[in-house]
Amino acid sequence: MSATVDARGLSCPQPVLMTLDTLKTVDHGEIVILVDTDTSKENVIRAASSKGWQVRSVQPEGIEYRITVAKV
């Protein structure tokens, strides 16, 4: 299963809360999280990792970031 969380334009803690809500509904697969600040990027990565998800990639896209996390 895959999902996308679009948290661009939101300030913390909203991107983290949106990511955690999605992690609860997706038990495995891949999730893409879109954020637009360094703080959100770091906090989302930390939150996903703490829930047992692996960070597969963090790709800068202009001033935004595409974070891909996965769980088998």
PDB file of N, CA and C in Angstrom:
ATOM      1  N   MET A   1       0.846  -1.185   0.000  1.00  0.00           N
ATOM      2  CA  MET A   1       0.000   0.000   0.000  1.00  0.00           C
ATOM      3  C   MET A   1       0.885   1.240   0.000  1.00  0.00           C
ATOM      4  N   SER A   2       0.417   2.302  -0.625  1.00  0.00           N
ATOM      5  CA  SER A   2       1.164   3.551  -0.587  1.00  0.00           C
ATOM      6  C   SER A   2       0.194   4.691  -0.332  1.00  0.00           C
ATOM      7  N   ALA A   3       0.732   5.752   0.238  1.00  0.00           N
ATOM      8  CA  ALA A   3      -0.075   6.928   0.549  1.00  0.00           C
ATOM      9  C   ALA A   3       0.802   8.157   0.409  1.00  0.00           C
ATOM     10  N   THR A   4       0.167   9.307   0.283  1.00  0.00           N
ATOM     11  CA  THR A   4       0.891  10.572   0.218  1.00  0.00           C
ATOM     12  C   THR A   4       0.301  11.526   1.240  1.00  0.00           C
ATOM     13  N   VAL A   5       1.196  12.174   1.994  1.00  0.00           N
ATOM     14  CA  VAL A   5       0.800  13.205   2.952  1.00  0.00           C
ATOM     15  C   VAL A   5       1.328  14.523   2.402  1.00  0.00           C
ATOM     16  N   ASP A   6       0.434  15.427   2.075  1.00  0.00           N
ATOM     17  CA  ASP A   6       0.847  16.733   1.565  1.00  0.00           C
ATOM     18  C   ASP A   6       0.738  17.748   2.690  1.00  0.00           C
ATOM     19  N   ALA A   7       1.868  18.023   3.332  1.00  0.00           N
ATOM     20  CA  ALA A   7       1.891  18.954   4.459  1.00  0.00           C
ATOM     21  C   ALA A   7       2.586  20.261   4.089  1.00  0.00           C
ATOM     22  N   ARG A   8       2.678  20.537   2.810  1.00  0.00           N
ATOM     23  CA  ARG A   8       3.309  21.786   2.364  1.00  0.00           C
ATOM     24  C   ARG A   8       2.463  22.977   2.817  1.00  0.00           C
ATOM     25  N   GLY A   9       3.149  24.016   3.274  1.00  0.00           N
ATOM     26  CA  GLY A   9       2.448  25.213   3.707  1.00  0.00           C
ATOM     27  C   GLY A   9       2.004  25.173   5.159  1.00  0.00           C
ATOM     28  N   LEU A  10       2.227  24.060   5.827  1.00  0.00           N
ATOM     29  CA  LEU A  10       1.828  23.921   7.227  1.00  0.00           C
ATOM     30  C   LEU A  10       3.052  23.996   8.126  1.00  0.00           C
ATOM     31  N   SER A  11       2.877  24.547   9.306  1.00  0.00           N
ATOM     32  CA  SER A  11       3.999  24.614  10.245  1.00  0.00           C
ATOM     33  C   SER A  11       3.841  23.537  11.305  1.00  0.00           C
ATOM     34  N   CYS A  12       4.962  23.166  11.905  1.00  0.00           N
ATOM     35  CA  CYS A  12       4.946  22.135  12.932  1.00  0.00           C
ATOM     36  C   CYS A  12       4.087  22.597  14.097  1.00  0.00           C
ATOM     37  N   PRO A  13       3.364  21.676  14.689  1.00  0.00           N
ATOM     38  CA  PRO A  13       3.469  20.222  14.555  1.00  0.00           C
ATOM     39  C   PRO A  13       2.540  19.598  13.522  1.00  0.00           C
ATOM     40  N   GLN A  14       1.829  20.378  12.721  1.00  0.00           N
ATOM     41  CA  GLN A  14       0.849  19.814  11.797  1.00  0.00           C
ATOM     42  C   GLN A  14       1.408  18.747  10.851  1.00  0.00           C
ATOM     43  N   PRO A  15       2.564  18.955  10.198  1.00  0.00           N
ATOM     44  CA  PRO A  15       3.087  17.891   9.327  1.00  0.00           C
ATOM     45  C   PRO A  15       3.372  16.587  10.084  1.00  0.00           C
ATOM     46  N   VAL A  16       3.861  16.706  11.302  1.00  0.00           N
ATOM     47  CA  VAL A  16       4.147  15.508  12.101  1.00  0.00           C
ATOM     48  C   VAL A  16       2.837  14.807  12.466  1.00  0.00           C
ATOM     49  N   LEU A  17       1.838  15.559  12.899  1.00  0.00           N
ATOM     50  CA  LEU A  17       0.560  14.958  13.278  1.00  0.00           C
ATOM     51  C   LEU A  17      -0.110  14.285  12.084  1.00  0.00           C
ATOM     52  N   MET A  18      -0.054  14.931  10.921  1.00  0.00           N
ATOM     53  CA  MET A  18      -0.627  14.330   9.710  1.00  0.00           C
ATOM     54  C   MET A  18       0.108  13.040   9.347  1.00  0.00           C
ATOM     55  N   THR A  19       1.437  13.064   9.478  1.00  0.00           N
ATOM     56  CA  THR A  19       2.227  11.865   9.177  1.00  0.00           C
ATOM     57  C   THR A  19       1.890  10.747  10.149  1.00  0.00           C
ATOM     58  N   LEU A  20       1.821  11.048  11.438  1.00  0.00           N
ATOM     59  CA  LEU A  20       1.516  10.023  12.438  1.00  0.00           C
ATOM     60  C   LEU A  20       0.124   9.439  12.212  1.00  0.00           C
ATOM     61  N   ASP A  21      -0.854  10.268  11.840  1.00  0.00           N
ATOM     62  CA  ASP A  21      -2.196   9.757  11.539  1.00  0.00           C
ATOM     63  C   ASP A  21      -2.158   8.774  10.379  1.00  0.00           C
ATOM     64  N   THR A  22      -1.374   9.092   9.362  1.00  0.00           N
ATOM     65  CA  THR A  22      -1.267   8.205   8.199  1.00  0.00           C
ATOM     66  C   THR A  22      -0.535   6.921   8.570  1.00  0.00           C
ATOM     67  N   LEU A  23       0.509   7.020   9.382  1.00  0.00           N
ATOM     68  CA  LEU A  23       1.249   5.817   9.805  1.00  0.00           C
ATOM     69  C   LEU A  23       0.329   4.854  10.555  1.00  0.00           C
ATOM     70  N   LYS A  24      -0.643   5.383  11.276  1.00  0.00           N
ATOM     71  CA  LYS A  24      -1.582   4.532  12.017  1.00  0.00           C
ATOM     72  C   LYS A  24      -2.511   3.758  11.084  1.00  0.00           C
ATOM     73  N   THR A  25      -2.821   4.339   9.923  1.00  0.00           N
ATOM     74  CA  THR A  25      -3.778   3.700   9.016  1.00  0.00           C
ATOM     75  C   THR A  25      -3.111   2.803   7.981  1.00  0.00           C
ATOM     76  N   VAL A  26      -1.811   2.958   7.792  1.00  0.00           N
ATOM     77  CA  VAL A  26      -1.071   2.157   6.821  1.00  0.00           C
ATOM     78  C   VAL A  26      -0.103   1.267   7.603  1.00  0.00           C
ATOM     79  N   ASP A  27      -0.334  -0.046   7.587  1.00  0.00           N
ATOM     80  CA  ASP A  27       0.514  -0.923   8.407  1.00  0.00           C
ATOM     81  C   ASP A  27       1.796  -1.368   7.706  1.00  0.00           C
ATOM     82  N   HIS A  28       1.839  -1.230   6.389  1.00  0.00           N
ATOM     83  CA  HIS A  28       3.065  -1.548   5.654  1.00  0.00           C
ATOM     84  C   HIS A  28       3.003  -0.866   4.290  1.00  0.00           C
ATOM     85  N   GLY A  29       4.129  -0.883   3.604  1.00  0.00           N
ATOM     86  CA  GLY A  29       4.190  -0.255   2.292  1.00  0.00           C
ATOM     87  C   GLY A  29       5.025   1.002   2.316  1.00  0.00           C
ATOM     88  N   GLU A  30       4.627   1.958   1.497  1.00  0.00           N
ATOM     89  CA  GLU A  30       5.420   3.162   1.327  1.00  0.00           C
ATOM     90  C   GLU A  30       4.538   4.395   1.478  1.00  0.00           C
ATOM     91  N   ILE A  31       5.085   5.396   2.146  1.00  0.00           N
ATOM     92  CA  ILE A  31       4.377   6.663   2.311  1.00  0.00           C
ATOM     93  C   ILE A  31       5.302   7.786   1.847  1.00  0.00           C
ATOM     94  N   VAL A  32       4.754   8.702   1.077  1.00  0.00           N
ATOM     95  CA  VAL A  32       5.489   9.891   0.636  1.00  0.00           C
ATOM     96  C   VAL A  32       4.931  11.073   1.411  1.00  0.00           C
ATOM     97  N   ILE A  33       5.829  11.827   2.041  1.00  0.00           N
ATOM     98  CA  ILE A  33       5.426  13.007   2.793  1.00  0.00           C
ATOM     99  C   ILE A  33       6.059  14.229   2.125  1.00  0.00           C
ATOM    100  N   LEU A  34       5.236  15.217   1.811  1.00  0.00           N
ATOM    101  CA  LEU A  34       5.701  16.440   1.170  1.00  0.00           C
ATOM    102  C   LEU A  34       5.691  17.564   2.200  1.00  0.00           C
ATOM    103  N   VAL A  35       6.842  18.183   2.417  1.00  0.00           N
ATOM    104  CA  VAL A  35       6.953  19.297   3.354  1.00  0.00           C
ATOM    105  C   VAL A  35       7.765  20.410   2.701  1.00  0.00           C
ATOM    106  N   ASP A  36       7.735  21.597   3.315  1.00  0.00           N
ATOM    107  CA  ASP A  36       8.448  22.718   2.699  1.00  0.00           C
ATOM    108  C   ASP A  36       9.342  23.495   3.660  1.00  0.00           C
ATOM    109  N   THR A  37       9.681  22.880   4.811  1.00  0.00           N
ATOM    110  CA  THR A  37      10.654  23.521   5.702  1.00  0.00           C
ATOM    111  C   THR A  37      11.629  22.474   6.237  1.00  0.00           C
ATOM    112  N   ASP A  38      12.820  22.923   6.573  1.00  0.00           N
ATOM    113  CA  ASP A  38      13.813  22.018   7.158  1.00  0.00           C
ATOM    114  C   ASP A  38      13.324  21.446   8.484  1.00  0.00           C
ATOM    115  N   THR A  39      12.674  22.282   9.285  1.00  0.00           N
ATOM    116  CA  THR A  39      12.174  21.828  10.584  1.00  0.00           C
ATOM    117  C   THR A  39      11.157  20.713  10.415  1.00  0.00           C
ATOM    118  N   SER A  40      10.216  20.904   9.512  1.00  0.00           N
ATOM    119  CA  SER A  40       9.216  19.866   9.253  1.00  0.00           C
ATOM    120  C   SER A  40       9.876  18.592   8.751  1.00  0.00           C
ATOM    121  N   LYS A  41      10.857  18.748   7.867  1.00  0.00           N
ATOM    122  CA  LYS A  41      11.565  17.583   7.333  1.00  0.00           C
ATOM    123  C   LYS A  41      12.190  16.775   8.466  1.00  0.00           C
ATOM    124  N   GLU A  42      12.940  17.442   9.325  1.00  0.00           N
ATOM    125  CA  GLU A  42      13.620  16.745  10.424  1.00  0.00           C
ATOM    126  C   GLU A  42      12.623  16.116  11.396  1.00  0.00           C
ATOM    127  N   ASN A  43      11.559  16.834  11.729  1.00  0.00           N
ATOM    128  CA  ASN A  43      10.578  16.317  12.678  1.00  0.00           C
ATOM    129  C   ASN A  43       9.787  15.137  12.119  1.00  0.00           C
ATOM    130  N   VAL A  44       9.456  15.191  10.840  1.00  0.00           N
ATOM    131  CA  VAL A  44       8.739  14.080  10.207  1.00  0.00           C
ATOM    132  C   VAL A  44       9.631  12.841  10.147  1.00  0.00           C
ATOM    133  N   ILE A  45      10.895  13.019   9.786  1.00  0.00           N
ATOM    134  CA  ILE A  45      11.828  11.896   9.739  1.00  0.00           C
ATOM    135  C   ILE A  45      11.958  11.256  11.122  1.00  0.00           C
ATOM    136  N   ARG A  46      12.107  12.088  12.137  1.00  0.00           N
ATOM    137  CA  ARG A  46      12.243  11.588  13.514  1.00  0.00           C
ATOM    138  C   ARG A  46      10.978  10.825  13.952  1.00  0.00           C
ATOM    139  N   ALA A  47       9.816  11.380  13.646  1.00  0.00           N
ATOM    140  CA  ALA A  47       8.548  10.754  14.042  1.00  0.00           C
ATOM    141  C   ALA A  47       8.354   9.407  13.342  1.00  0.00           C
ATOM    142  N   ALA A  48       8.617   9.361  12.041  1.00  0.00           N
ATOM    143  CA  ALA A  48       8.439   8.111  11.291  1.00  0.00           C
ATOM    144  C   ALA A  48       9.410   7.043  11.788  1.00  0.00           C
ATOM    145  N   SER A  49      10.648   7.436  12.016  1.00  0.00           N
ATOM    146  CA  SER A  49      11.652   6.484  12.509  1.00  0.00           C
ATOM    147  C   SER A  49      11.264   5.937  13.878  1.00  0.00           C
ATOM    148  N   SER A  50      10.705   6.792  14.730  1.00  0.00           N
ATOM    149  CA  SER A  50      10.331   6.349  16.079  1.00  0.00           C
ATOM    150  C   SER A  50       9.186   5.341  16.048  1.00  0.00           C
ATOM    151  N   LYS A  51       8.427   5.317  14.956  1.00  0.00           N
ATOM    152  CA  LYS A  51       7.322   4.366  14.809  1.00  0.00           C
ATOM    153  C   LYS A  51       7.727   3.119  14.022  1.00  0.00           C
ATOM    154  N   GLY A  52       9.029   2.975  13.743  1.00  0.00           N
ATOM    155  CA  GLY A  52       9.511   1.775  13.077  1.00  0.00           C
ATOM    156  C   GLY A  52       9.527   1.835  11.566  1.00  0.00           C
ATOM    157  N   TRP A  53       9.343   3.014  10.988  1.00  0.00           N
ATOM    158  CA  TRP A  53       9.388   3.170   9.538  1.00  0.00           C
ATOM    159  C   TRP A  53      10.796   3.538   9.127  1.00  0.00           C
ATOM    160  N   GLN A  54      11.240   3.010   7.988  1.00  0.00           N
ATOM    161  CA  GLN A  54      12.570   3.309   7.450  1.00  0.00           C
ATOM    162  C   GLN A  54      12.485   4.469   6.472  1.00  0.00           C
ATOM    163  N   VAL A  55      13.401   5.407   6.608  1.00  0.00           N
ATOM    164  CA  VAL A  55      13.459   6.509   5.659  1.00  0.00           C
ATOM    165  C   VAL A  55      14.211   6.015   4.427  1.00  0.00           C
ATOM    166  N   ARG A  56      13.511   5.926   3.316  1.00  0.00           N
ATOM    167  CA  ARG A  56      14.116   5.437   2.072  1.00  0.00           C
ATOM    168  C   ARG A  56      14.839   6.543   1.326  1.00  0.00           C
ATOM    169  N   SER A  57      14.232   7.747   1.312  1.00  0.00           N
ATOM    170  CA  SER A  57      14.889   8.854   0.615  1.00  0.00           C
ATOM    171  C   SER A  57      14.327  10.183   1.087  1.00  0.00           C
ATOM    172  N   VAL A  58      15.167  11.194   0.953  1.00  0.00           N
ATOM    173  CA  VAL A  58      14.772  12.579   1.197  1.00  0.00           C
ATOM    174  C   VAL A  58      15.255  13.366  -0.014  1.00  0.00           C
ATOM    175  N   GLN A  59      14.325  13.775  -0.850  1.00  0.00           N
ATOM    176  CA  GLN A  59      14.684  14.444  -2.098  1.00  0.00           C
ATOM    177  C   GLN A  59      14.260  15.905  -2.059  1.00  0.00           C
ATOM    178  N   PRO A  60      15.223  16.822  -2.184  1.00  0.00           N
ATOM    179  CA  PRO A  60      14.855  18.234  -2.303  1.00  0.00           C
ATOM    180  C   PRO A  60      14.173  18.464  -3.648  1.00  0.00           C
ATOM    181  N   GLU A  61      13.090  19.216  -3.632  1.00  0.00           N
ATOM    182  CA  GLU A  61      12.394  19.588  -4.867  1.00  0.00           C
ATOM    183  C   GLU A  61      12.154  21.086  -4.804  1.00  0.00           C
ATOM    184  N   GLY A  62      13.126  21.842  -5.267  1.00  0.00           N
ATOM    185  CA  GLY A  62      13.055  23.291  -5.136  1.00  0.00           C
ATOM    186  C   GLY A  62      13.245  23.654  -3.670  1.00  0.00           C
ATOM    187  N   ILE A  63      12.250  24.341  -3.100  1.00  0.00           N
ATOM    188  CA  ILE A  63      12.324  24.682  -1.675  1.00  0.00           C
ATOM    189  C   ILE A  63      11.563  23.658  -0.830  1.00  0.00           C
ATOM    190  N   GLU A  64      11.093  22.602  -1.460  1.00  0.00           N
ATOM    191  CA  GLU A  64      10.318  21.571  -0.760  1.00  0.00           C
ATOM    192  C   GLU A  64      11.116  20.282  -0.663  1.00  0.00           C
ATOM    193  N   TYR A  65      10.575  19.346   0.128  1.00  0.00           N
ATOM    194  CA  TYR A  65      11.211  18.035   0.292  1.00  0.00           C
ATOM    195  C   TYR A  65      10.174  16.945   0.071  1.00  0.00           C
ATOM    196  N   ARG A  66      10.612  15.883  -0.587  1.00  0.00           N
ATOM    197  CA  ARG A  66       9.801  14.676  -0.751  1.00  0.00           C
ATOM    198  C   ARG A  66      10.493  13.592   0.092  1.00  0.00           C
ATOM    199  N   ILE A  67       9.821  13.196   1.164  1.00  0.00           N
ATOM    200  CA  ILE A  67      10.356  12.184   2.080  1.00  0.00           C
ATOM    201  C   ILE A  67       9.613  10.879   1.812  1.00  0.00           C
ATOM    202  N   THR A  68      10.355   9.830   1.544  1.00  0.00           N
ATOM    203  CA  THR A  68       9.742   8.519   1.323  1.00  0.00           C
ATOM    204  C   THR A  68      10.123   7.612   2.467  1.00  0.00           C
ATOM    205  N   VAL A  69       9.105   7.056   3.158  1.00  0.00           N
ATOM    206  CA  VAL A  69       9.340   6.116   4.245  1.00  0.00           C
ATOM    207  C   VAL A  69       8.647   4.803   3.897  1.00  0.00           C
ATOM    208  N   ALA A  70       9.172   3.713   4.426  1.00  0.00           N
ATOM    209  CA  ALA A  70       8.619   2.398   4.101  1.00  0.00           C
ATOM    210  C   ALA A  70       8.681   1.475   5.302  1.00  0.00           C
ATOM    211  N   LYS A  71       7.750   0.527   5.305  1.00  0.00           N
ATOM    212  CA  LYS A  71       7.711  -0.516   6.325  1.00  0.00           C
ATOM    213  C   LYS A  71       7.271  -1.796   5.641  1.00  0.00           C
ATOM    214  N   VAL A  72       8.009  -2.860   5.887  1.00  0.00           N
ATOM    215  CA  VAL A  72       7.704  -4.140   5.236  1.00  0.00           C
ATOM    216  C   VAL A  72       6.715  -4.934   6.068  1.00  0.00           C
TER     217      VAL A  72
END
